[in-house]
PDB file of N, CA and C in Angstrom:
ATOM      1  N   MET A   1       1.384 -13.234  -2.701  1.00  0.00           N
ATOM      2  CA  MET A   1       2.377 -12.849  -1.728  1.00  0.00           C
ATOM      3  C   MET A   1       1.718 -12.855  -0.355  1.00  0.00           C
ATOM      4  N   SER A   2       2.527 -12.787   0.664  1.00  0.00           N
ATOM      5  CA  SER A   2       1.989 -12.898   2.009  1.00  0.00           C
ATOM      6  C   SER A   2       2.838 -12.117   2.991  1.00  0.00           C
ATOM      7  N   LYS A   3       2.661 -12.446   4.253  1.00  0.00           N
ATOM      8  CA  LYS A   3       3.405 -11.783   5.310  1.00  0.00           C
ATOM      9  C   LYS A   3       4.912 -12.007   5.148  1.00  0.00           C
ATOM     10  N   ASN A   4       5.282 -13.045   4.420  1.00  0.00           N
ATOM     11  CA  ASN A   4       6.678 -13.373   4.196  1.00  0.00           C
ATOM     12  C   ASN A   4       7.367 -12.385   3.238  1.00  0.00           C
ATOM     13  N   ASN A   5       6.610 -11.445   2.697  1.00  0.00           N
ATOM     14  CA  ASN A   5       7.171 -10.457   1.760  1.00  0.00           C
ATOM     15  C   ASN A   5       8.354  -9.720   2.360  1.00  0.00           C
ATOM     16  N   PHE A   6       8.244  -9.330   3.603  1.00  0.00           N
ATOM     17  CA  PHE A   6       9.319  -8.589   4.243  1.00  0.00           C
ATOM     18  C   PHE A   6      10.595  -9.425   4.263  1.00  0.00           C
ATOM     19  N   GLY A   7      10.468 -10.695   4.567  1.00  0.00           N
ATOM     20  CA  GLY A   7      11.628 -11.588   4.582  1.00  0.00           C
ATOM     21  C   GLY A   7      12.271 -11.703   3.217  1.00  0.00           C
ATOM     22  N   GLN A   8      11.451 -11.763   2.172  1.00  0.00           N
ATOM     23  CA  GLN A   8      11.988 -11.856   0.820  1.00  0.00           C
ATOM     24  C   GLN A   8      12.743 -10.580   0.440  1.00  0.00           C
ATOM     25  N   VAL A   9      12.189  -9.433   0.803  1.00  0.00           N
ATOM     26  CA  VAL A   9      12.843  -8.157   0.508  1.00  0.00           C
ATOM     27  C   VAL A   9      14.162  -8.067   1.276  1.00  0.00           C
ATOM     28  N   ARG A  10      14.126  -8.432   2.543  1.00  0.00           N
ATOM     29  CA  ARG A  10      15.333  -8.388   3.372  1.00  0.00           C
ATOM     30  C   ARG A  10      16.413  -9.316   2.804  1.00  0.00           C
ATOM     31  N   ASP A  11      16.012 -10.545   2.415  1.00  0.00           N
ATOM     32  CA  ASP A  11      16.975 -11.499   1.857  1.00  0.00           C
ATOM     33  C   ASP A  11      17.596 -10.968   0.564  1.00  0.00           C
ATOM     34  N   LEU A  12      16.786 -10.352  -0.270  1.00  0.00           N
ATOM     35  CA  LEU A  12      17.295  -9.794  -1.521  1.00  0.00           C
ATOM     36  C   LEU A  12      18.328  -8.707  -1.244  1.00  0.00           C
ATOM     37  N   ILE A  13      18.012  -7.809  -0.347  1.00  0.00           N
ATOM     38  CA  ILE A  13      18.928  -6.709  -0.032  1.00  0.00           C
ATOM     39  C   ILE A  13      20.214  -7.240   0.593  1.00  0.00           C
ATOM     40  N   MET A  14      20.076  -8.160   1.527  1.00  0.00           N
ATOM     41  CA  MET A  14      21.269  -8.715   2.176  1.00  0.00           C
ATOM     42  C   MET A  14      22.124  -9.484   1.162  1.00  0.00           C
ATOM     43  N   GLY A  15      21.485 -10.132   0.207  1.00  0.00           N
ATOM     44  CA  GLY A  15      22.213 -10.865  -0.819  1.00  0.00           C
ATOM     45  C   GLY A  15      22.993  -9.962  -1.756  1.00  0.00           C
ATOM     46  N   LEU A  16      22.582  -8.714  -1.850  1.00  0.00           N
ATOM     47  CA  LEU A  16      23.266  -7.756  -2.728  1.00  0.00           C
ATOM     48  C   LEU A  16      24.421  -7.041  -2.037  1.00  0.00           C
ATOM     49  N   GLU A  17      24.553  -7.213  -0.741  1.00  0.00           N
ATOM     50  CA  GLU A  17      25.561  -6.465   0.004  1.00  0.00           C
ATOM     51  C   GLU A  17      26.968  -6.653  -0.556  1.00  0.00           C
ATOM     52  N   ALA A  18      27.348  -7.883  -0.824  1.00  0.00           N
ATOM     53  CA  ALA A  18      28.692  -8.148  -1.338  1.00  0.00           C
ATOM     54  C   ALA A  18      28.900  -7.494  -2.701  1.00  0.00           C
ATOM     55  N   ASP A  19      27.873  -7.537  -3.552  1.00  0.00           N
ATOM     56  CA  ASP A  19      27.999  -6.917  -4.875  1.00  0.00           C
ATOM     57  C   ASP A  19      28.094  -5.397  -4.769  1.00  0.00           C
ATOM     58  N   PHE A  20      27.374  -4.792  -3.813  1.00  0.00           N
ATOM     59  CA  PHE A  20      27.505  -3.353  -3.589  1.00  0.00           C
ATOM     60  C   PHE A  20      28.940  -3.011  -3.224  1.00  0.00           C
ATOM     61  N   GLU A  21      29.504  -3.785  -2.301  1.00  0.00           N
ATOM     62  CA  GLU A  21      30.882  -3.524  -1.880  1.00  0.00           C
ATOM     63  C   GLU A  21      31.858  -3.694  -3.043  1.00  0.00           C
ATOM     64  N   LYS A  22      31.676  -4.758  -3.827  1.00  0.00           N
ATOM     65  CA  LYS A  22      32.572  -4.993  -4.967  1.00  0.00           C
ATOM     66  C   LYS A  22      32.483  -3.863  -5.985  1.00  0.00           C
ATOM     67  N   PHE A  23      31.260  -3.387  -6.211  1.00  0.00           N
ATOM     68  CA  PHE A  23      31.095  -2.334  -7.204  1.00  0.00           C
ATOM     69  C   PHE A  23      31.641  -0.998  -6.708  1.00  0.00           C
ATOM     70  N   TYR A  24      31.229  -0.586  -5.514  1.00  0.00           N
ATOM     71  CA  TYR A  24      31.611   0.739  -5.027  1.00  0.00           C
ATOM     72  C   TYR A  24      33.051   0.798  -4.522  1.00  0.00           C
ATOM     73  N   ASP A  25      33.535  -0.260  -3.889  1.00  0.00           N
ATOM     74  CA  ASP A  25      34.884  -0.223  -3.327  1.00  0.00           C
ATOM     75  C   ASP A  25      35.952  -0.663  -4.321  1.00  0.00           C
ATOM     76  N   LYS A  26      35.611  -1.652  -5.162  1.00  0.00           N
ATOM     77  CA  LYS A  26      36.620  -2.220  -6.060  1.00  0.00           C
ATOM     78  C   LYS A  26      36.347  -1.925  -7.534  1.00  0.00           C
ATOM     79  N   GLN A  27      35.298  -1.149  -7.786  1.00  0.00           N
ATOM     80  CA  GLN A  27      34.902  -0.772  -9.157  1.00  0.00           C
ATOM     81  C   GLN A  27      34.760  -1.978 -10.080  1.00  0.00           C
ATOM     82  N   ASN A  28      34.166  -3.048  -9.568  1.00  0.00           N
ATOM     83  CA  ASN A  28      33.920  -4.256 -10.354  1.00  0.00           C
ATOM     84  C   ASN A  28      32.627  -4.045 -11.137  1.00  0.00           C
ATOM     85  N   SER A  29      32.741  -3.906 -12.451  1.00  0.00           N
ATOM     86  CA  SER A  29      31.559  -3.588 -13.263  1.00  0.00           C
ATOM     87  C   SER A  29      30.559  -4.735 -13.328  1.00  0.00           C
ATOM     88  N   ALA A  30      31.023  -5.989 -13.258  1.00  0.00           N
ATOM     89  CA  ALA A  30      30.091  -7.122 -13.255  1.00  0.00           C
ATOM     90  C   ALA A  30      29.221  -7.090 -11.992  1.00  0.00           C
ATOM     91  N   ALA A  31      29.824  -6.681 -10.889  1.00  0.00           N
ATOM     92  CA  ALA A  31      29.052  -6.550  -9.646  1.00  0.00           C
ATOM     93  C   ALA A  31      28.011  -5.444  -9.798  1.00  0.00           C
ATOM     94  N   GLY A  32      28.346  -4.388 -10.514  1.00  0.00           N
ATOM     95  CA  GLY A  32      27.391  -3.311 -10.772  1.00  0.00           C
ATOM     96  C   GLY A  32      26.189  -3.802 -11.558  1.00  0.00           C
ATOM     97  N   THR A  33      26.431  -4.700 -12.511  1.00  0.00           N
ATOM     98  CA  THR A  33      25.332  -5.280 -13.289  1.00  0.00           C
ATOM     99  C   THR A  33      24.418  -6.097 -12.375  1.00  0.00           C
ATOM    100  N   ARG A  34      25.009  -6.852 -11.468  1.00  0.00           N
ATOM    101  CA  ARG A  34      24.211  -7.648 -10.517  1.00  0.00           C
ATOM    102  C   ARG A  34      23.420  -6.739  -9.577  1.00  0.00           C
ATOM    103  N   VAL A  35      24.022  -5.643  -9.167  1.00  0.00           N
ATOM    104  CA  VAL A  35      23.324  -4.683  -8.305  1.00  0.00           C
ATOM    105  C   VAL A  35      22.119  -4.111  -9.044  1.00  0.00           C
ATOM    106  N   ARG A  36      22.326  -3.710 -10.288  1.00  0.00           N
ATOM    107  CA  ARG A  36      21.215  -3.150 -11.077  1.00  0.00           C
ATOM    108  C   ARG A  36      20.089  -4.156 -11.238  1.00  0.00           C
ATOM    109  N   LYS A  37      20.431  -5.422 -11.523  1.00  0.00           N
ATOM    110  CA  LYS A  37      19.402  -6.451 -11.654  1.00  0.00           C
ATOM    111  C   LYS A  37      18.672  -6.651 -10.327  1.00  0.00           C
ATOM    112  N   GLY A  38      19.429  -6.700  -9.243  1.00  0.00           N
ATOM    113  CA  GLY A  38      18.814  -6.865  -7.925  1.00  0.00           C
ATOM    114  C   GLY A  38      17.888  -5.712  -7.572  1.00  0.00           C
ATOM    115  N   MET A  39      18.288  -4.511  -7.929  1.00  0.00           N
ATOM    116  CA  MET A  39      17.451  -3.353  -7.637  1.00  0.00           C
ATOM    117  C   MET A  39      16.174  -3.373  -8.480  1.00  0.00           C
ATOM    118  N   GLN A  40      16.261  -3.876  -9.707  1.00  0.00           N
ATOM    119  CA  GLN A  40      15.058  -4.025 -10.533  1.00  0.00           C
ATOM    120  C   GLN A  40      14.125  -5.059  -9.910  1.00  0.00           C
ATOM    121  N   ASP A  41      14.695  -6.163  -9.414  1.00  0.00           N
ATOM    122  CA  ASP A  41      13.888  -7.176  -8.731  1.00  0.00           C
ATOM    123  C   ASP A  41      13.221  -6.587  -7.491  1.00  0.00           C
ATOM    124  N   LEU A  42      13.964  -5.757  -6.766  1.00  0.00           N
ATOM    125  CA  LEU A  42      13.425  -5.107  -5.571  1.00  0.00           C
ATOM    126  C   LEU A  42      12.267  -4.187  -5.946  1.00  0.00           C
ATOM    127  N   LYS A  43      12.439  -3.456  -7.022  1.00  0.00           N
ATOM    128  CA  LYS A  43      11.374  -2.560  -7.491  1.00  0.00           C
ATOM    129  C   LYS A  43      10.110  -3.356  -7.814  1.00  0.00           C
ATOM    130  N   ASN A  44      10.276  -4.481  -8.503  1.00  0.00           N
ATOM    131  CA  ASN A  44       9.122  -5.309  -8.869  1.00  0.00           C
ATOM    132  C   ASN A  44       8.454  -5.906  -7.630  1.00  0.00           C
ATOM    133  N   MET A  45       9.258  -6.346  -6.666  1.00  0.00           N
ATOM    134  CA  MET A  45       8.698  -6.884  -5.422  1.00  0.00           C
ATOM    135  C   MET A  45       7.927  -5.800  -4.677  1.00  0.00           C
ATOM    136  N   ALA A  46       8.502  -4.607  -4.619  1.00  0.00           N
ATOM    137  CA  ALA A  46       7.844  -3.499  -3.924  1.00  0.00           C
ATOM    138  C   ALA A  46       6.507  -3.180  -4.584  1.00  0.00           C
ATOM    139  N   GLN A  47       6.458  -3.194  -5.896  1.00  0.00           N
ATOM    140  CA  GLN A  47       5.209  -2.910  -6.604  1.00  0.00           C
ATOM    141  C   GLN A  47       4.162  -3.968  -6.299  1.00  0.00           C
ATOM    142  N   GLU A  48       4.560  -5.230  -6.261  1.00  0.00           N
ATOM    143  CA  GLU A  48       3.620  -6.305  -5.931  1.00  0.00           C
ATOM    144  C   GLU A  48       3.091  -6.150  -4.506  1.00  0.00           C
ATOM    145  N   ILE A  49       3.976  -5.803  -3.586  1.00  0.00           N
ATOM    146  CA  ILE A  49       3.556  -5.617  -2.192  1.00  0.00           C
ATOM    147  C   ILE A  49       2.596  -4.437  -2.091  1.00  0.00           C
ATOM    148  N   ARG A  50       2.899  -3.339  -2.776  1.00  0.00           N
ATOM    149  CA  ARG A  50       2.012  -2.173  -2.752  1.00  0.00           C
ATOM    150  C   ARG A  50       0.624  -2.537  -3.272  1.00  0.00           C
ATOM    151  N   LYS A  51       0.569  -3.307  -4.350  1.00  0.00           N
ATOM    152  CA  LYS A  51      -0.718  -3.708  -4.919  1.00  0.00           C
ATOM    153  C   LYS A  51      -1.478  -4.601  -3.945  1.00  0.00           C
ATOM    154  N   GLU A  52      -0.775  -5.542  -3.331  1.00  0.00           N
ATOM    155  CA  GLU A  52      -1.416  -6.440  -2.380  1.00  0.00           C
ATOM    156  C   GLU A  52      -1.983  -5.660  -1.184  1.00  0.00           C
ATOM    157  N   VAL A  53      -1.209  -4.727  -0.659  1.00  0.00           N
ATOM    158  CA  VAL A  53      -1.669  -3.936   0.476  1.00  0.00           C
ATOM    159  C   VAL A  53      -2.897  -3.115   0.088  1.00  0.00           C
ATOM    160  N   GLN A  54      -2.863  -2.495  -1.087  1.00  0.00           N
ATOM    161  CA  GLN A  54      -3.998  -1.690  -1.537  1.00  0.00           C
ATOM    162  C   GLN A  54      -5.233  -2.557  -1.727  1.00  0.00           C
ATOM    163  N   ASP A  55      -5.076  -3.735  -2.313  1.00  0.00           N
ATOM    164  CA  ASP A  55      -6.210  -4.639  -2.505  1.00  0.00           C
ATOM    165  C   ASP A  55      -6.806  -5.071  -1.161  1.00  0.00           C
ATOM    166  N   MET A  56      -5.926  -5.347  -0.194  1.00  0.00           N
ATOM    167  CA  MET A  56      -6.412  -5.741   1.128  1.00  0.00           C
ATOM    168  C   MET A  56      -7.153  -4.585   1.798  1.00  0.00           C
ATOM    169  N   LYS A  57      -6.629  -3.366   1.652  1.00  0.00           N
ATOM    170  CA  LYS A  57      -7.307  -2.203   2.223  1.00  0.00           C
ATOM    171  C   LYS A  57      -8.666  -2.003   1.567  1.00  0.00           C
ATOM    172  N   ASN A  58      -8.712  -2.128   0.246  1.00  0.00           N
ATOM    173  CA  ASN A  58      -9.976  -1.934  -0.467  1.00  0.00           C
ATOM    174  C   ASN A  58     -11.002  -2.991  -0.087  1.00  0.00           C
ATOM    175  N   SER A  59     -10.574  -4.243   0.060  1.00  0.00           N
ATOM    176  CA  SER A  59     -11.531  -5.290   0.422  1.00  0.00           C
ATOM    177  C   SER A  59     -12.000  -5.107   1.861  1.00  0.00           C
ATOM    178  N   ALA A  60     -11.133  -4.634   2.753  1.00  0.00           N
ATOM    179  CA  ALA A  60     -11.528  -4.367   4.134  1.00  0.00           C
ATOM    180  C   ALA A  60     -12.473  -3.177   4.180  1.00  0.00           C
ATOM    181  N   ALA A  61     -12.236  -2.175   3.363  1.00  0.00           N
ATOM    182  CA  ALA A  61     -13.108  -1.002   3.318  1.00  0.00           C
ATOM    183  C   ALA A  61     -14.475  -1.387   2.773  1.00  0.00           C
ATOM    184  N   GLY A  62     -14.513  -2.327   1.856  1.00  0.00           N
ATOM    185  CA  GLY A  62     -15.790  -2.773   1.295  1.00  0.00           C
ATOM    186  C   GLY A  62     -16.639  -3.479   2.329  1.00  0.00           C
ATOM    187  N   THR A  63     -16.029  -4.274   3.195  1.00  0.00           N
ATOM    188  CA  THR A  63     -16.800  -4.959   4.230  1.00  0.00           C
ATOM    189  C   THR A  63     -17.188  -3.998   5.337  1.00  0.00           C
ATOM    190  N   ALA A  64     -16.384  -2.981   5.603  1.00  0.00           N
ATOM    191  CA  ALA A  64     -16.709  -2.005   6.634  1.00  0.00           C
ATOM    192  C   ALA A  64     -17.758  -1.019   6.132  1.00  0.00           C
ATOM    193  N   ALA A  65     -17.885  -0.850   4.837  1.00  0.00           N
ATOM    194  CA  ALA A  65     -18.839   0.103   4.280  1.00  0.00           C
ATOM    195  C   ALA A  65     -20.269  -0.415   4.377  1.00  0.00           C
ATOM    196  N   ALA A  66     -20.463  -1.718   4.429  1.00  0.00           N
ATOM    197  CA  ALA A  66     -21.812  -2.274   4.484  1.00  0.00           C
ATOM    198  C   ALA A  66     -22.571  -1.820   5.730  1.00  0.00           C
ATOM    199  N   PRO A  67     -22.018  -1.901   6.941  1.00  0.00           N
ATOM    200  CA  PRO A  67     -22.759  -1.396   8.106  1.00  0.00           C
ATOM    201  C   PRO A  67     -22.997   0.101   8.030  1.00  0.00           C
ATOM    202  N   ALA A  68     -22.081   0.846   7.479  1.00  0.00           N
ATOM    203  CA  ALA A  68     -22.265   2.283   7.359  1.00  0.00           C
ATOM    204  C   ALA A  68     -23.416   2.589   6.407  1.00  0.00           C
ATOM    205  N   ALA A  69     -23.567   1.813   5.364  1.00  0.00           N
ATOM    206  CA  ALA A  69     -24.661   2.022   4.415  1.00  0.00           C
ATOM    207  C   ALA A  69     -25.997   1.780   5.098  1.00  0.00           C
ATOM    208  N   LYS A  70     -26.072   0.785   5.975  1.00  0.00           N
ATOM    209  CA  LYS A  70     -27.313   0.525   6.706  1.00  0.00           C
ATOM    210  C   LYS A  70     -27.647   1.692   7.615  1.00  0.00           C
ATOM    211  N   ALA A  71     -26.652   2.281   8.234  1.00  0.00           N
ATOM    212  CA  ALA A  71     -26.881   3.417   9.117  1.00  0.00           C
ATOM    213  C   ALA A  71     -27.424   4.598   8.324  1.00  0.00           C
ATOM    214  N   LYS A  72     -26.947   4.776   7.121  1.00  0.00           N
ATOM    215  CA  LYS A  72     -27.435   5.873   6.298  1.00  0.00           C
ATOM    216  C   LYS A  72     -28.876   5.634   5.854  1.00  0.00           C
ATOM    217  N   ALA A  73     -29.283   4.377   5.763  1.00  0.00           N
ATOM    218  CA  ALA A  73     -30.620   4.050   5.296  1.00  0.00           C
ATOM    219  C   ALA A  73     -31.666   4.207   6.395  1.00  0.00           C
ATOM    220  N   ALA A  74     -31.246   4.458   7.618  1.00  0.00           N
ATOM    221  CA  ALA A  74     -32.187   4.614   8.729  1.00  0.00           C
ATOM    222  C   ALA A  74     -33.069   5.828   8.455  1.00  0.00           C
ATOM    223  N   PRO A  75     -34.328   5.769   8.946  1.00  0.00           N
ATOM    224  CA  PRO A  75     -35.250   6.896   8.694  1.00  0.00           C
ATOM    225  C   PRO A  75     -34.724   8.182   9.319  1.00  0.00           C
ATOM    226  N   LYS A  76     -34.963   9.260   8.636  1.00  0.00           N
ATOM    227  CA  LYS A  76     -34.515  10.560   9.115  1.00  0.00           C
ATOM    228  C   LYS A  76     -35.574  11.152  10.022  1.00  0.00           C
ATOM    229  N   LYS A  77     -35.152  12.021  10.924  1.00  0.00           N
ATOM    230  CA  LYS A  77     -36.085  12.724  11.798  1.00  0.00           C
ATOM    231  C   LYS A  77     -36.861  13.747  10.981  1.00  0.00           C
ATOM    232  N   ALA A  78     -38.083  13.998  11.404  1.00  0.00           N
ATOM    233  CA  ALA A  78     -38.907  14.973  10.696  1.00  0.00           C
ATOM    234  C   ALA A  78     -38.300  16.351  10.860  1.00  0.00           C
ATOM    235  N   ALA A  79     -38.418  17.148   9.835  1.00  0.00           N
ATOM    236  CA  ALA A  79     -37.889  18.509   9.871  1.00  0.00           C
ATOM    237  C   ALA A  79     -38.727  19.355  10.801  1.00  0.00           C
ATOM    238  N   ALA A  80     -38.131  20.331  11.420  1.00  0.00           N
ATOM    239  CA  ALA A  80     -38.868  21.235  12.313  1.00  0.00           C
ATOM    240  C   ALA A  80     -39.873  22.028  11.491  1.00  0.00           C
ATOM    241  N   PRO A  81     -41.040  22.299  12.063  1.00  0.00           N
ATOM    242  CA  PRO A  81     -42.049  23.063  11.313  1.00  0.00           C
ATOM    243  C   PRO A  81     -41.531  24.476  10.995  1.00  0.00           C
ATOM    244  N   ALA A  82     -41.947  24.991   9.870  1.00  0.00           N
ATOM    245  CA  ALA A  82     -41.532  26.323   9.447  1.00  0.00           C
ATOM    246  C   ALA A  82     -42.111  27.358  10.387  1.00  0.00           C
ATOM    247  N   ALA A  83     -41.384  28.428  10.593  1.00  0.00           N
ATOM    248  CA  ALA A  83     -41.865  29.511  11.481  1.00  0.00           C
ATOM    249  C   ALA A  83     -43.017  30.214  10.801  1.00  0.00           C
ATOM    250  N   LYS A  84     -44.042  30.570  11.620  1.00  0.00           N
ATOM    251  CA  LYS A  84     -45.202  31.269  11.085  1.00  0.00           C
ATOM    252  C   LYS A  84     -44.929  32.768  11.094  1.00  0.00           C
ATOM    253  N   GLY A  85     -45.525  33.432  10.213  1.00  0.00           N
ATOM    254  CA  GLY A  85     -45.373  34.872  10.171  1.00  0.00           C
ATOM    255  C   GLY A  85     -44.377  35.269   9.109  1.00  0.00           C
ATOM    256  N   GLY A  86     -44.294  36.514   8.882  1.00  0.00           N
ATOM    257  CA  GLY A  86     -43.408  37.009   7.840  1.00  0.00           C
ATOM    258  C   GLY A  86     -42.301  37.838   8.434  1.00  0.00           C
ATOM    259  N   LYS A  87     -41.714  38.609   7.587  1.00  0.00           N
ATOM    260  CA  LYS A  87     -40.647  39.486   8.026  1.00  0.00           C
ATOM    261  C   LYS A  87     -41.233  40.661   8.764  1.00  0.00           C
ATOM    262  N   LYS A  88     -40.550  41.185   9.703  1.00  0.00           N
ATOM    263  CA  LYS A  88     -41.038  42.350  10.437  1.00  0.00           C
ATOM    264  C   LYS A  88     -40.224  43.551  10.092  1.00  0.00           C
TER     265      LYS A  88
END
């Protein structure tokens, strides 16, 4: 999938508009079946888009984590010397 996902979702929803009207306004049960199928298709498309977005985020986070790992590997500053003497 790609950036065109939004267009596909929009086209699907717009294509269902007439069936929504037929079902809700005219109680056409066949239109209700088409609406249910369209909504299932929408659900599947949404799931694919969610997975794609998550995969892209994870791959971007993986490339951004490499410089951060190098920064963590830098030598640490020496600890301050312990205070001399005991409790008073």
